Structure formats: structure tokens, C-alpha cells
PDB file of N, CA and C in Angstrom:
ATOM      1  N   MET A   1      -5.455  -4.676  16.859  1.00  0.00           N
ATOM      2  CA  MET A   1      -4.733  -3.763  16.646  1.00  0.00           C
ATOM      3  C   MET A   1      -5.333  -2.694  15.778  1.00  0.00           C
ATOM      4  N   ASP A   2      -5.267  -1.348  16.306  1.00  0.00           N
ATOM      5  CA  ASP A   2      -5.866  -0.235  15.640  1.00  0.00           C
ATOM      6  C   ASP A   2      -4.833   0.213  14.442  1.00  0.00           C
ATOM      7  N   LEU A   3      -5.323   1.336  13.748  1.00  0.00           N
ATOM      8  CA  LEU A   3      -4.504   1.822  12.743  1.00  0.00           C
ATOM      9  C   LEU A   3      -3.352   2.590  13.359  1.00  0.00           C
ATOM     10  N   GLN A   4      -3.536   3.388  14.362  1.00  0.00           N
ATOM     11  CA  GLN A   4      -2.537   4.247  15.075  1.00  0.00           C
ATOM     12  C   GLN A   4      -1.325   3.217  15.540  1.00  0.00           C
ATOM     13  N   GLU A   5      -1.798   2.146  16.109  1.00  0.00           N
ATOM     14  CA  GLU A   5      -0.735   1.093  16.550  1.00  0.00           C
ATOM     15  C   GLU A   5       0.010   0.502  15.540  1.00  0.00           C
ATOM     16  N   TYR A   6      -0.663   0.162  14.385  1.00  0.00           N
ATOM     17  CA  TYR A   6      -0.119  -0.475  13.258  1.00  0.00           C
ATOM     18  C   TYR A   6       0.888   0.550  12.825  1.00  0.00           C
ATOM     19  N   LYS A   7       0.531   1.869  12.528  1.00  0.00           N
ATOM     20  CA  LYS A   7       1.353   2.979  11.952  1.00  0.00           C
ATOM     21  C   LYS A   7       2.795   2.995  12.675  1.00  0.00           C
ATOM     22  N   LYS A   8       2.577   3.025  14.020  1.00  0.00           N
ATOM     23  CA  LYS A   8       3.720   3.179  14.805  1.00  0.00           C
ATOM     24  C   LYS A   8       4.641   2.093  14.778  1.00  0.00           C
ATOM     25  N   LYS A   9       4.084   0.900  14.818  1.00  0.00           N
ATOM     26  CA  LYS A   9       4.937  -0.294  14.803  1.00  0.00           C
ATOM     27  C   LYS A   9       5.503  -0.406  13.409  1.00  0.00           C
ATOM     28  N   ALA A  10       4.751  -0.243  12.236  1.00  0.00           N
ATOM     29  CA  ALA A  10       5.305  -0.340  10.983  1.00  0.00           C
ATOM     30  C   ALA A  10       6.301   0.516  10.611  1.00  0.00           C
ATOM     31  N   LEU A  11       6.182   1.817  10.964  1.00  0.00           N
ATOM     32  CA  LEU A  11       7.261   2.823  10.799  1.00  0.00           C
ATOM     33  C   LEU A  11       8.419   2.641  11.714  1.00  0.00           C
ATOM     34  N   SER A  12       8.501   1.920  12.745  1.00  0.00           N
ATOM     35  CA  SER A  12       9.612   1.526  13.487  1.00  0.00           C
ATOM     36  C   SER A  12      10.621   0.660  12.663  1.00  0.00           C
ATOM     37  N   THR A  13      10.139   0.142  11.609  1.00  0.00           N
ATOM     38  CA  THR A  13      10.895  -0.895  10.890  1.00  0.00           C
ATOM     39  C   THR A  13      11.546  -0.127   9.595  1.00  0.00           C
ATOM     40  N   ASP A  14      11.072   1.067   9.172  1.00  0.00           N
ATOM     41  CA  ASP A  14      11.766   1.894   8.240  1.00  0.00           C
ATOM     42  C   ASP A  14      13.086   2.265   8.520  1.00  0.00           C
ATOM     43  N   HIS A  15      13.999   1.538   8.023  1.00  0.00           N
ATOM     44  CA  HIS A  15      15.331   1.777   8.356  1.00  0.00           C
ATOM     45  C   HIS A  15      16.364   2.176   7.099  1.00  0.00           C
ATOM     46  N   LYS A  16      15.514   2.360   6.027  1.00  0.00           N
ATOM     47  CA  LYS A  16      16.232   2.644   4.717  1.00  0.00           C
ATOM     48  C   LYS A  16      17.104   3.919   4.638  1.00  0.00           C
ATOM     49  N   ASP A  17      18.155   3.850   4.048  1.00  0.00           N
ATOM     50  CA  ASP A  17      18.939   5.142   3.804  1.00  0.00           C
ATOM     51  C   ASP A  17      18.388   5.661   2.518  1.00  0.00           C
ATOM     52  N   TYR A  18      17.481   6.719   2.451  1.00  0.00           N
ATOM     53  CA  TYR A  18      17.035   7.142   1.169  1.00  0.00           C
ATOM     54  C   TYR A  18      17.916   8.068   0.259  1.00  0.00           C
ATOM     55  N   SER A  19      19.037   8.219   0.818  1.00  0.00           N
ATOM     56  CA  SER A  19      20.013   9.276   0.194  1.00  0.00           C
ATOM     57  C   SER A  19      20.330   8.808  -1.138  1.00  0.00           C
ATOM     58  N   GLN A  20      20.429   7.467  -1.356  1.00  0.00           N
ATOM     59  CA  GLN A  20      20.754   6.970  -2.688  1.00  0.00           C
ATOM     60  C   GLN A  20      19.518   6.580  -3.678  1.00  0.00           C
ATOM     61  N   PHE A  21      18.295   7.079  -3.181  1.00  0.00           N
ATOM     62  CA  PHE A  21      17.032   6.818  -3.842  1.00  0.00           C
ATOM     63  C   PHE A  21      16.332   7.890  -4.428  1.00  0.00           C
ATOM     64  N   HIS A  22      16.947   9.137  -4.356  1.00  0.00           N
ATOM     65  CA  HIS A  22      16.227  10.308  -4.743  1.00  0.00           C
ATOM     66  C   HIS A  22      16.376  10.615  -6.311  1.00  0.00           C
ATOM     67  N   THR A  23      15.273  10.809  -6.809  1.00  0.00           N
ATOM     68  CA  THR A  23      14.921  11.287  -8.271  1.00  0.00           C
ATOM     69  C   THR A  23      13.868  12.250  -8.260  1.00  0.00           C
ATOM     70  N   GLY A  24      14.169  13.131  -9.018  1.00  0.00           N
ATOM     71  CA  GLY A  24      12.859  14.195  -9.398  1.00  0.00           C
ATOM     72  C   GLY A  24      12.628  14.986  -8.309  1.00  0.00           C
ATOM     73  N   GLU A  25      11.434  15.627  -8.281  1.00  0.00           N
ATOM     74  CA  GLU A  25      11.089  16.494  -7.287  1.00  0.00           C
ATOM     75  C   GLU A  25      10.372  15.785  -5.944  1.00  0.00           C
ATOM     76  N   SER A  26       9.889  14.564  -6.012  1.00  0.00           N
ATOM     77  CA  SER A  26       9.314  13.873  -4.897  1.00  0.00           C
ATOM     78  C   SER A  26      10.597  13.462  -4.093  1.00  0.00           C
ATOM     79  N   THR A  27      10.217  13.196  -2.902  1.00  0.00           N
ATOM     80  CA  THR A  27      11.310  12.709  -2.037  1.00  0.00           C
ATOM     81  C   THR A  27      11.655  11.336  -2.233  1.00  0.00           C
ATOM     82  N   ALA A  28      12.761  10.946  -1.773  1.00  0.00           N
ATOM     83  CA  ALA A  28      13.208   9.461  -1.979  1.00  0.00           C
ATOM     84  C   ALA A  28      12.362   8.456  -1.406  1.00  0.00           C
ATOM     85  N   ARG A  29      11.844   8.836  -0.057  1.00  0.00           N
ATOM     86  CA  ARG A  29      11.073   8.102   0.656  1.00  0.00           C
ATOM     87  C   ARG A  29       9.589   7.931   0.019  1.00  0.00           C
ATOM     88  N   LEU A  30       9.248   9.065  -0.491  1.00  0.00           N
ATOM     89  CA  LEU A  30       7.846   8.974  -1.369  1.00  0.00           C
ATOM     90  C   LEU A  30       8.004   7.982  -2.476  1.00  0.00           C
ATOM     91  N   ASP A  31       9.313   8.145  -3.192  1.00  0.00           N
ATOM     92  CA  ASP A  31       9.455   7.253  -4.213  1.00  0.00           C
ATOM     93  C   ASP A  31       9.422   5.739  -3.737  1.00  0.00           C
ATOM     94  N   TYR A  32      10.058   5.416  -2.813  1.00  0.00           N
ATOM     95  CA  TYR A  32      10.295   4.155  -2.250  1.00  0.00           C
ATOM     96  C   TYR A  32       8.834   3.743  -2.028  1.00  0.00           C
ATOM     97  N   GLY A  33       8.027   4.291  -1.160  1.00  0.00           N
ATOM     98  CA  GLY A  33       6.684   3.986  -0.796  1.00  0.00           C
ATOM     99  C   GLY A  33       5.788   3.620  -2.050  1.00  0.00           C
ATOM    100  N   THR A  34       5.816   4.601  -2.945  1.00  0.00           N
ATOM    101  CA  THR A  34       4.887   4.483  -4.052  1.00  0.00           C
ATOM    102  C   THR A  34       5.366   3.127  -5.028  1.00  0.00           C
ATOM    103  N   ILE A  35       6.644   3.192  -5.217  1.00  0.00           N
ATOM    104  CA  ILE A  35       7.204   1.948  -6.052  1.00  0.00           C
ATOM    105  C   ILE A  35       6.997   0.717  -5.320  1.00  0.00           C
ATOM    106  N   GLY A  36       7.074   0.618  -4.057  1.00  0.00           N
ATOM    107  CA  GLY A  36       6.734  -0.526  -3.375  1.00  0.00           C
ATOM    108  C   GLY A  36       5.357  -0.935  -3.422  1.00  0.00           C
ATOM    109  N   MET A  37       4.452  -0.095  -3.319  1.00  0.00           N
ATOM    110  CA  MET A  37       3.014  -0.243  -3.523  1.00  0.00           C
ATOM    111  C   MET A  37       2.664  -0.918  -4.909  1.00  0.00           C
ATOM    112  N   ALA A  38       3.222  -0.295  -5.857  1.00  0.00           N
ATOM    113  CA  ALA A  38       3.107  -0.800  -7.184  1.00  0.00           C
ATOM    114  C   ALA A  38       3.568  -2.298  -7.372  1.00  0.00           C
ATOM    115  N   THR A  39       4.862  -2.480  -6.834  1.00  0.00           N
ATOM    116  CA  THR A  39       5.499  -3.772  -6.803  1.00  0.00           C
ATOM    117  C   THR A  39       4.616  -4.868  -6.217  1.00  0.00           C
ATOM    118  N   CYS A  40       4.037  -4.447  -4.928  1.00  0.00           N
ATOM    119  CA  CYS A  40       3.206  -5.350  -4.160  1.00  0.00           C
ATOM    120  C   CYS A  40       1.886  -5.696  -5.029  1.00  0.00           C
ATOM    121  N   SER A  41       1.271  -4.737  -5.543  1.00  0.00           N
ATOM    122  CA  SER A  41       0.134  -4.825  -6.416  1.00  0.00           C
ATOM    123  C   SER A  41       0.368  -5.763  -7.555  1.00  0.00           C
ATOM    124  N   ALA A  42       1.391  -5.710  -8.201  1.00  0.00           N
ATOM    125  CA  ALA A  42       1.718  -6.391  -9.149  1.00  0.00           C
ATOM    126  C   ALA A  42       1.920  -7.951  -8.932  1.00  0.00           C
ATOM    127  N   LYS A  43       2.603  -8.125  -7.728  1.00  0.00           N
ATOM    128  CA  LYS A  43       2.673  -9.448  -7.196  1.00  0.00           C
ATOM    129  C   LYS A  43       1.308 -10.028  -6.899  1.00  0.00           C
ATOM    130  N   ILE A  44       0.507  -9.288  -6.248  1.00  0.00           N
ATOM    131  CA  ILE A  44      -0.914  -9.815  -6.005  1.00  0.00           C
ATOM    132  C   ILE A  44      -1.719 -10.055  -7.276  1.00  0.00           C
ATOM    133  N   LEU A  45      -1.627  -9.335  -8.182  1.00  0.00           N
ATOM    134  CA  LEU A  45      -2.174  -9.504  -9.424  1.00  0.00           C
ATOM    135  C   LEU A  45      -1.600 -10.872 -10.181  1.00  0.00           C
ATOM    136  N   ASN A  46      -0.307 -11.145 -10.031  1.00  0.00           N
ATOM    137  CA  ASN A  46       0.351 -12.162 -10.640  1.00  0.00           C
ATOM    138  C   ASN A  46      -0.341 -13.460  -9.954  1.00  0.00           C
ATOM    139  N   PHE A  47      -0.467 -13.496  -8.586  1.00  0.00           N
ATOM    140  CA  PHE A  47      -1.056 -14.624  -7.901  1.00  0.00           C
ATOM    141  C   PHE A  47      -2.464 -14.965  -8.681  1.00  0.00           C
ATOM    142  N   VAL A  48      -3.275 -13.953  -8.888  1.00  0.00           N
ATOM    143  CA  VAL A  48      -4.597 -14.201  -9.486  1.00  0.00           C
ATOM    144  C   VAL A  48      -4.474 -14.578 -10.821  1.00  0.00           C
ATOM    145  N   LYS A  49      -3.505 -14.001 -11.765  1.00  0.00           N
ATOM    146  CA  LYS A  49      -3.231 -14.620 -12.917  1.00  0.00           C
ATOM    147  C   LYS A  49      -2.932 -16.049 -12.866  1.00  0.00           C
ATOM    148  N   LYS A  50      -2.182 -16.501 -12.038  1.00  0.00           N
ATOM    149  CA  LYS A  50      -1.781 -17.829 -11.964  1.00  0.00           C
ATOM    150  C   LYS A  50      -2.914 -18.757 -11.727  1.00  0.00           C
ATOM    151  N   THR A  51      -3.943 -18.281 -11.070  1.00  0.00           N
ATOM    152  CA  THR A  51      -5.023 -19.070 -10.857  1.00  0.00           C
ATOM    153  C   THR A  51      -5.854 -19.343 -12.037  1.00  0.00           C
ATOM    154  N   LYS A  52      -5.965 -18.212 -13.013  1.00  0.00           N
ATOM    155  CA  LYS A  52      -6.587 -18.311 -14.086  1.00  0.00           C
ATOM    156  C   LYS A  52      -5.847 -19.065 -15.160  1.00  0.00           C
ATOM    157  N   MET A  53      -4.604 -18.803 -15.385  1.00  0.00           N
ATOM    158  CA  MET A  53      -3.820 -19.574 -16.330  1.00  0.00           C
ATOM    159  C   MET A  53      -3.386 -20.937 -16.179  1.00  0.00           C
ATOM    160  N   ASN A  54      -3.184 -21.463 -14.903  1.00  0.00           N
ATOM    161  CA  ASN A  54      -2.927 -22.742 -14.366  1.00  0.00           C
ATOM    162  C   ASN A  54      -4.038 -23.535 -13.792  1.00  0.00           C
ATOM    163  N   ALA A  55      -5.218 -23.081 -13.553  1.00  0.00           N
ATOM    164  CA  ALA A  55      -6.295 -23.453 -12.986  1.00  0.00           C
ATOM    165  C   ALA A  55      -5.813 -23.977 -11.666  1.00  0.00           C
ATOM    166  N   LYS A  56      -5.082 -23.144 -10.992  1.00  0.00           N
ATOM    167  CA  LYS A  56      -4.717 -23.522  -9.601  1.00  0.00           C
ATOM    168  C   LYS A  56      -5.409 -22.900  -8.470  1.00  0.00           C
ATOM    169  N   PRO A  57      -5.595 -23.265  -7.303  1.00  0.00           N
ATOM    170  CA  PRO A  57      -6.295 -22.687  -6.240  1.00  0.00           C
ATOM    171  C   PRO A  57      -5.627 -21.207  -5.822  1.00  0.00           C
ATOM    172  N   LEU A  58      -6.402 -20.360  -5.513  1.00  0.00           N
ATOM    173  CA  LEU A  58      -5.702 -19.107  -5.125  1.00  0.00           C
ATOM    174  C   LEU A  58      -4.953 -19.261  -3.762  1.00  0.00           C
ATOM    175  N   ASP A  59      -3.836 -18.790  -3.822  1.00  0.00           N
ATOM    176  CA  ASP A  59      -2.790 -18.867  -2.788  1.00  0.00           C
ATOM    177  C   ASP A  59      -3.075 -17.664  -1.753  1.00  0.00           C
ATOM    178  N   ARG A  60      -4.090 -17.869  -0.894  1.00  0.00           N
ATOM    179  CA  ARG A  60      -4.475 -16.844   0.065  1.00  0.00           C
ATOM    180  C   ARG A  60      -3.599 -16.504   0.940  1.00  0.00           C
ATOM    181  N   GLU A  61      -2.618 -17.380   1.543  1.00  0.00           N
ATOM    182  CA  GLU A  61      -1.553 -17.082   2.439  1.00  0.00           C
ATOM    183  C   GLU A  61      -0.491 -16.005   1.824  1.00  0.00           C
ATOM    184  N   ALA A  62      -0.170 -16.451   0.435  1.00  0.00           N
ATOM    185  CA  ALA A  62       0.833 -15.426  -0.260  1.00  0.00           C
ATOM    186  C   ALA A  62       0.224 -14.115  -0.409  1.00  0.00           C
ATOM    187  N   ILE A  63      -1.068 -14.116  -0.795  1.00  0.00           N
ATOM    188  CA  ILE A  63      -1.738 -12.691  -1.113  1.00  0.00           C
ATOM    189  C   ILE A  63      -1.880 -11.967   0.240  1.00  0.00           C
ATOM    190  N   THR A  64      -2.079 -12.821   1.387  1.00  0.00           N
ATOM    191  CA  THR A  64      -2.112 -12.158   2.658  1.00  0.00           C
ATOM    192  C   THR A  64      -0.978 -11.497   2.976  1.00  0.00           C
ATOM    193  N   GLU A  65       0.112 -12.115   2.721  1.00  0.00           N
ATOM    194  CA  GLU A  65       1.400 -11.640   3.097  1.00  0.00           C
ATOM    195  C   GLU A  65       1.750 -10.358   2.145  1.00  0.00           C
ATOM    196  N   GLU A  66       1.470 -10.418   1.018  1.00  0.00           N
ATOM    197  CA  GLU A  66       1.725  -9.265   0.024  1.00  0.00           C
ATOM    198  C   GLU A  66       0.699  -8.125   0.536  1.00  0.00           C
ATOM    199  N   LEU A  67      -0.566  -8.419   0.923  1.00  0.00           N
ATOM    200  CA  LEU A  67      -1.386  -7.411   1.323  1.00  0.00           C
ATOM    201  C   LEU A  67      -0.768  -6.713   2.469  1.00  0.00           C
ATOM    202  N   GLY A  68      -0.070  -7.394   3.455  1.00  0.00           N
ATOM    203  CA  GLY A  68       0.563  -6.872   4.547  1.00  0.00           C
ATOM    204  C   GLY A  68       1.892  -5.881   3.985  1.00  0.00           C
ATOM    205  N   ASP A  69       2.522  -6.293   3.078  1.00  0.00           N
ATOM    206  CA  ASP A  69       3.659  -5.521   2.460  1.00  0.00           C
ATOM    207  C   ASP A  69       3.047  -4.297   1.976  1.00  0.00           C
ATOM    208  N   LEU A  70       1.940  -4.422   1.254  1.00  0.00           N
ATOM    209  CA  LEU A  70       1.313  -3.283   0.561  1.00  0.00           C
ATOM    210  C   LEU A  70       0.901  -2.318   1.554  1.00  0.00           C
ATOM    211  N   LEU A  71       0.458  -2.808   2.652  1.00  0.00           N
ATOM    212  CA  LEU A  71      -0.237  -1.912   3.599  1.00  0.00           C
ATOM    213  C   LEU A  71       1.193  -1.188   4.296  1.00  0.00           C
ATOM    214  N   TRP A  72       2.257  -1.892   4.465  1.00  0.00           N
ATOM    215  CA  TRP A  72       3.473  -1.276   5.092  1.00  0.00           C
ATOM    216  C   TRP A  72       3.909  -0.084   4.160  1.00  0.00           C
ATOM    217  N   TYR A  73       4.096  -0.450   2.894  1.00  0.00           N
ATOM    218  CA  TYR A  73       4.338   0.664   1.841  1.00  0.00           C
ATOM    219  C   TYR A  73       3.366   1.882   1.971  1.00  0.00           C
ATOM    220  N   MET A  74       2.121   1.545   1.830  1.00  0.00           N
ATOM    221  CA  MET A  74       1.015   2.746   2.065  1.00  0.00           C
ATOM    222  C   MET A  74       1.148   3.314   3.209  1.00  0.00           C
ATOM    223  N   ASN A  75       1.440   2.620   4.294  1.00  0.00           N
ATOM    224  CA  ASN A  75       1.766   3.542   5.525  1.00  0.00           C
ATOM    225  C   ASN A  75       2.909   4.392   5.623  1.00  0.00           C
ATOM    226  N   LEU A  76       4.040   3.978   4.973  1.00  0.00           N
ATOM    227  CA  LEU A  76       5.096   4.777   4.734  1.00  0.00           C
ATOM    228  C   LEU A  76       4.873   6.068   3.819  1.00  0.00           C
ATOM    229  N   THR A  77       3.989   5.758   2.770  1.00  0.00           N
ATOM    230  CA  THR A  77       3.693   6.847   1.914  1.00  0.00           C
ATOM    231  C   THR A  77       2.723   7.816   2.534  1.00  0.00           C
ATOM    232  N   ILE A  78       1.833   7.306   3.071  1.00  0.00           N
ATOM    233  CA  ILE A  78       0.869   8.247   3.980  1.00  0.00           C
ATOM    234  C   ILE A  78       1.718   9.012   5.011  1.00  0.00           C
ATOM    235  N   ASP A  79       2.418   8.532   5.704  1.00  0.00           N
ATOM    236  CA  ASP A  79       3.334   9.164   6.565  1.00  0.00           C
ATOM    237  C   ASP A  79       4.348  10.467   5.898  1.00  0.00           C
ATOM    238  N   GLU A  80       4.739   9.904   4.794  1.00  0.00           N
ATOM    239  CA  GLU A  80       5.609  10.830   4.063  1.00  0.00           C
ATOM    240  C   GLU A  80       4.818  12.262   3.538  1.00  0.00           C
ATOM    241  N   LEU A  81       3.532  11.890   3.256  1.00  0.00           N
ATOM    242  CA  LEU A  81       2.805  12.852   2.747  1.00  0.00           C
ATOM    243  C   LEU A  81       2.059  13.847   3.901  1.00  0.00           C
ATOM    244  N   GLY A  82       2.254  13.405   5.136  1.00  0.00           N
ATOM    245  CA  GLY A  82       1.749  13.997   6.257  1.00  0.00           C
ATOM    246  C   GLY A  82       0.161  13.846   6.355  1.00  0.00           C
ATOM    247  N   ILE A  83      -0.313  12.818   5.879  1.00  0.00           N
ATOM    248  CA  ILE A  83      -1.731  12.660   5.997  1.00  0.00           C
ATOM    249  C   ILE A  83      -1.963  11.311   6.900  1.00  0.00           C
ATOM    250  N   THR A  84      -3.228  11.005   7.220  1.00  0.00           N
ATOM    251  CA  THR A  84      -3.523   9.910   8.023  1.00  0.00           C
ATOM    252  C   THR A  84      -4.241   8.791   7.203  1.00  0.00           C
ATOM    253  N   PHE A  85      -4.307   7.598   7.683  1.00  0.00           N
ATOM    254  CA  PHE A  85      -5.305   6.645   7.097  1.00  0.00           C
ATOM    255  C   PHE A  85      -6.745   7.189   7.074  1.00  0.00           C
ATOM    256  N   GLU A  86      -7.042   7.896   8.229  1.00  0.00           N
ATOM    257  CA  GLU A  86      -8.414   8.386   8.333  1.00  0.00           C
ATOM    258  C   GLU A  86      -8.659   9.399   7.121  1.00  0.00           C
ATOM    259  N   ASP A  87      -7.709  10.119   6.858  1.00  0.00           N
ATOM    260  CA  ASP A  87      -7.865  11.131   5.845  1.00  0.00           C
ATOM    261  C   ASP A  87      -8.171  10.278   4.552  1.00  0.00           C
ATOM    262  N   VAL A  88      -7.233   9.283   4.205  1.00  0.00           N
ATOM    263  CA  VAL A  88      -7.595   8.462   2.928  1.00  0.00           C
ATOM    264  C   VAL A  88      -8.853   7.860   3.091  1.00  0.00           C
ATOM    265  N   MET A  89      -9.432   7.088   4.120  1.00  0.00           N
ATOM    266  CA  MET A  89     -10.548   6.516   4.146  1.00  0.00           C
ATOM    267  C   MET A  89     -11.756   7.361   3.950  1.00  0.00           C
ATOM    268  N   LYS A  90     -11.728   8.779   4.671  1.00  0.00           N
ATOM    269  CA  LYS A  90     -12.791   9.727   4.473  1.00  0.00           C
ATOM    270  C   LYS A  90     -12.944  10.194   3.132  1.00  0.00           C
ATOM    271  N   ASN A  91     -11.722  10.451   2.486  1.00  0.00           N
ATOM    272  CA  ASN A  91     -11.636  10.771   1.078  1.00  0.00           C
ATOM    273  C   ASN A  91     -12.182   9.857   0.112  1.00  0.00           C
ATOM    274  N   ASN A  92     -11.952   8.643   0.444  1.00  0.00           N
ATOM    275  CA  ASN A  92     -12.271   7.519  -0.381  1.00  0.00           C
ATOM    276  C   ASN A  92     -13.904   7.288  -0.470  1.00  0.00           C
ATOM    277  N   ILE A  93     -14.464   7.571   0.816  1.00  0.00           N
ATOM    278  CA  ILE A  93     -15.931   7.381   0.886  1.00  0.00           C
ATOM    279  C   ILE A  93     -16.548   8.631   0.337  1.00  0.00           C
ATOM    280  N   GLU A  94     -15.932   9.763   0.450  1.00  0.00           N
ATOM    281  CA  GLU A  94     -16.705  10.887  -0.247  1.00  0.00           C
ATOM    282  C   GLU A  94     -16.715  10.862  -1.749  1.00  0.00           C
ATOM    283  N   LYS A  95     -15.427  10.293  -2.372  1.00  0.00           N
ATOM    284  CA  LYS A  95     -15.272  10.235  -3.678  1.00  0.00           C
ATOM    285  C   LYS A  95     -16.296   8.960  -4.155  1.00  0.00           C
ATOM    286  N   ILE A  96     -16.242   7.881  -3.506  1.00  0.00           N
ATOM    287  CA  ILE A  96     -17.304   6.896  -4.271  1.00  0.00           C
ATOM    288  C   ILE A  96     -18.812   7.309  -3.843  1.00  0.00           C
ATOM    289  N   SER A  97     -19.049   8.043  -2.780  1.00  0.00           N
ATOM    290  CA  SER A  97     -20.441   8.500  -2.743  1.00  0.00           C
ATOM    291  C   SER A  97     -20.776   9.449  -3.788  1.00  0.00           C
ATOM    292  N   LYS A  98     -19.898  10.181  -4.390  1.00  0.00           N
ATOM    293  CA  LYS A  98     -20.292  10.874  -5.429  1.00  0.00           C
ATOM    294  C   LYS A  98     -20.547  10.302  -6.765  1.00  0.00           C
ATOM    295  N   ILE A  99     -19.710   9.197  -6.838  1.00  0.00           N
ATOM    296  CA  ILE A  99     -19.648   8.385  -8.117  1.00  0.00           C
ATOM    297  C   ILE A  99     -20.960   7.568  -8.060  1.00  0.00           C
ATOM    298  N   TYR A 100     -21.240   6.880  -6.817  1.00  0.00           N
ATOM    299  CA  TYR A 100     -22.524   6.057  -6.747  1.00  0.00           C
ATOM    300  C   TYR A 100     -23.407   6.653  -5.667  1.00  0.00           C
ATOM    301  N   PRO A 101     -24.103   7.789  -5.975  1.00  0.00           N
ATOM    302  CA  PRO A 101     -24.734   8.506  -5.078  1.00  0.00           C
ATOM    303  C   PRO A 101     -26.207   7.750  -4.556  1.00  0.00           C
ATOM    304  N   THR A 102     -26.570   6.699  -5.258  1.00  0.00           N
ATOM    305  CA  THR A 102     -27.945   6.033  -4.991  1.00  0.00           C
ATOM    306  C   THR A 102     -27.388   4.736  -4.254  1.00  0.00           C
ATOM    307  N   LYS A 103     -26.283   4.397  -4.211  1.00  0.00           N
ATOM    308  CA  LYS A 103     -25.853   3.116  -3.679  1.00  0.00           C
ATOM    309  C   LYS A 103     -25.722   3.028  -2.040  1.00  0.00           C
TER     310      LYS A 103
END
């Protein structure tokens, strides 16, 4: 599956009514996407924390599931901003190339 196919399929599951979710100047859909990314990131961090605190093996299946959810929220956010995954990837490479020019 490529990014365009993923984007289309993932956005087809966006069925939220954002009218009850609006605060501030950003759109409710943007709020929902960015809050979702933060929540998923925190869940992933919690899985890693549990491996450190409890000396347990890393739950790769659970992390993979959360990464999928994170990707879904990222896709929603990217769509709401009117940008593409390609824009994000290109921008990131340009940014890290400036930070690490000799790497």
C-alpha cells in the first residue's frame, strides 16, 4: 500500500461530528487530529516506560497498533492542513540536513 492509497482509505473512516469539538481559532478537526497524535504518542511512551519499570519485554504488537492509530491521526491532520505526506517528508529531510550537514 502506498501513502496515497492509505490516505484515501484512512480518511474514509473519518466520521466524527466535529461541531461539538471546536475551541479557539483552529478547526475542530485539526484539534481532534493533533490531540489524537499526542494521546497515541503518550501511549507508546507508556509501553516503553513499562519495559523499564517492570523489566518486561517490549509489547511490539501493541506499539504497532498505536503507531497505526498515530498514523491515522497524522493523516487527518495533514489533510486538514491541506498538505501532503510528501510535503512533510521533504520538509523533514531539509530540516535534518541543515542540522546535520555532514551526516
